[in-house]
Amino acid sequence: MTNREIIRELKRRGYSRVDIDTDNRAAKTFYTYRGGLHINGTGNLSFHIVPPQDSLGLGRFVICATRNGESSQLGTDDAPFFFGRLLAFLKGERKEKEIIDEIIYKADSHENGTI
């Protein structure tokens, strides 16, 4: 799935494009930066696709979750894992809490937050 296809789906789902400089992590917003795509699903859940040169060995796909003021992130190169959660969230098939619980559990289970 290309960034262009994802952006089309985001817009269809009511997401708005913001500038990286004005991003305040508002729900249902996204921005592009250096070939990457950053999606703010809610104030507590975001999805990121980073270009290979920016992945720093943590994975090209990152899901960030915040619960009780503490944040966790899970990086992966496993596209089906990432896109399965992103698309299910966009379609309303998976809820914010469910994904946050999963990401925090997996990040805590893995020493460096990658799978």
Protein backbone atom coordinates (compact mmCIF):
# COMPACT_ATOMS: atom_id res chain seq x y z
CA MET A 1 0.00 0.00 0.00
CA THR A 2 1.48 3.35 -0.98
CA ASN A 3 1.36 6.56 1.04
CA ARG A 4 -0.89 8.04 -1.65
CA GLU A 5 -3.40 5.19 -1.23
CA ILE A 6 -3.32 5.53 2.55
CA ILE A 7 -3.84 9.30 2.33
CA ARG A 8 -6.86 8.74 0.08
CA GLU A 9 -8.31 6.36 2.68
CA LEU A 10 -7.55 8.80 5.51
CA LYS A 11 -9.36 11.62 3.72
CA ARG A 12 -12.30 9.30 3.03
CA ARG A 13 -12.45 8.63 6.78
CA GLY A 14 -12.50 12.35 7.68
CA TYR A 15 -8.80 12.88 8.44
CA SER A 16 -7.23 16.27 7.71
CA ARG A 17 -3.72 17.07 6.54
CA VAL A 18 -1.69 19.33 8.82
CA ASP A 19 1.79 20.81 8.53
CA ILE A 20 4.55 19.21 10.55
CA ASP A 21 5.14 22.66 12.08
CA THR A 22 1.53 22.97 13.24
CA ASP A 23 0.96 19.35 14.26
CA ASN A 24 -0.47 19.31 17.78
CA ARG A 25 -1.34 15.60 17.68
CA ALA A 26 -5.04 16.31 17.23
CA ALA A 27 -7.14 13.24 16.46
CA LYS A 28 -7.86 12.39 12.82
CA THR A 29 -4.95 14.38 11.40
CA PHE A 30 -1.87 13.41 9.41
CA TYR A 31 1.24 14.90 7.87
CA THR A 32 4.01 13.82 5.56
CA TYR A 33 7.68 14.40 6.24
CA ARG A 34 10.74 13.32 4.25
CA GLY A 35 8.82 10.56 2.51
CA GLY A 36 7.17 9.33 5.70
CA LEU A 37 3.54 9.43 6.76
CA HIS A 38 2.50 10.26 10.32
CA ILE A 39 -1.10 9.60 11.37
CA ASN A 40 -2.70 10.85 14.60
CA GLY A 41 -5.59 8.44 15.08
CA THR A 42 -6.50 9.83 18.50
CA GLY A 43 -4.73 11.85 21.13
CA ASN A 44 -3.36 8.56 22.48
CA LEU A 45 -2.73 6.47 19.37
CA SER A 46 -0.63 7.23 16.31
CA PHE A 47 0.74 5.31 13.35
CA HIS A 48 3.96 6.13 11.50
CA ILE A 49 5.53 4.96 8.26
CA VAL A 50 9.14 6.05 8.10
CA PRO A 51 11.53 5.87 5.16
CA PRO A 52 14.21 3.15 5.47
CA GLN A 53 17.00 5.70 6.06
CA ASP A 54 15.10 7.10 9.08
CA SER A 55 14.12 3.79 10.71
CA LEU A 56 17.32 3.62 12.80
CA GLY A 57 16.94 -0.15 12.98
CA LEU A 58 13.66 0.12 14.88
CA GLY A 59 11.47 -0.77 11.92
CA ARG A 60 9.80 1.08 9.10
CA PHE A 61 6.40 0.98 10.76
CA VAL A 62 5.72 2.34 14.24
CA ILE A 63 2.60 2.39 16.40
CA CYS A 64 2.70 4.77 19.38
CA ALA A 65 0.34 4.43 22.32
CA THR A 66 -0.20 6.52 25.45
CA ARG A 67 -2.00 5.34 28.57
CA ASN A 68 -2.10 7.08 31.96
CA GLY A 69 0.44 9.64 30.78
CA GLU A 70 3.02 7.01 29.79
CA SER A 71 3.92 6.33 26.19
CA SER A 72 5.08 3.17 24.46
CA GLN A 73 6.01 2.58 20.89
CA LEU A 74 6.37 -0.56 18.88
CA GLY A 75 8.47 -0.57 15.75
CA THR A 76 8.34 -3.32 13.15
CA ASP A 77 9.22 -4.17 9.58
CA ASP A 78 6.23 -6.53 9.49
CA ALA A 79 3.89 -4.70 7.11
CA PRO A 80 0.89 -7.04 7.66
CA PHE A 81 1.11 -6.49 11.44
CA PHE A 82 1.15 -2.70 11.01
CA PHE A 83 -1.38 -2.33 8.20
CA GLY A 84 -3.74 -4.87 9.78
CA ARG A 85 -4.04 -2.66 12.85
CA LEU A 86 -4.11 0.65 10.98
CA LEU A 87 -6.83 -0.40 8.55
CA ALA A 88 -8.90 -2.16 11.22
CA PHE A 89 -8.73 1.02 13.33
CA LEU A 90 -9.72 3.25 10.39
CA LYS A 91 -12.68 0.99 9.59
CA GLY A 92 -13.80 0.90 13.23
CA GLU A 93 -13.15 -2.84 13.49
CA ARG A 94 -10.64 -2.36 16.33
CA LYS A 95 -11.00 0.21 19.10
CA GLU A 96 -8.36 2.59 20.41
CA LYS A 97 -8.17 0.87 23.82
CA GLU A 98 -7.70 -2.57 22.28
CA ILE A 99 -4.75 -1.45 20.13
CA ILE A 100 -3.20 0.60 22.95
CA ASP A 101 -3.39 -2.39 25.31
CA GLU A 102 -1.77 -4.61 22.69
CA ILE A 103 1.02 -2.16 21.84
CA ILE A 104 1.88 -1.49 25.47
CA TYR A 105 1.90 -5.22 26.24
CA LYS A 106 4.08 -6.06 23.23
CA ALA A 107 6.45 -3.13 23.83
CA ASP A 108 6.82 -4.16 27.49
CA SER A 109 7.44 -7.77 26.41
CA HIS A 110 10.25 -6.78 24.06
CA GLU A 111 13.29 -5.11 25.54
CA ASN A 112 13.65 -2.41 22.87
CA GLY A 113 10.06 -2.11 21.69
CA THR A 114 10.55 -3.78 18.30
CA ILE A 115 9.11 -6.95 16.83
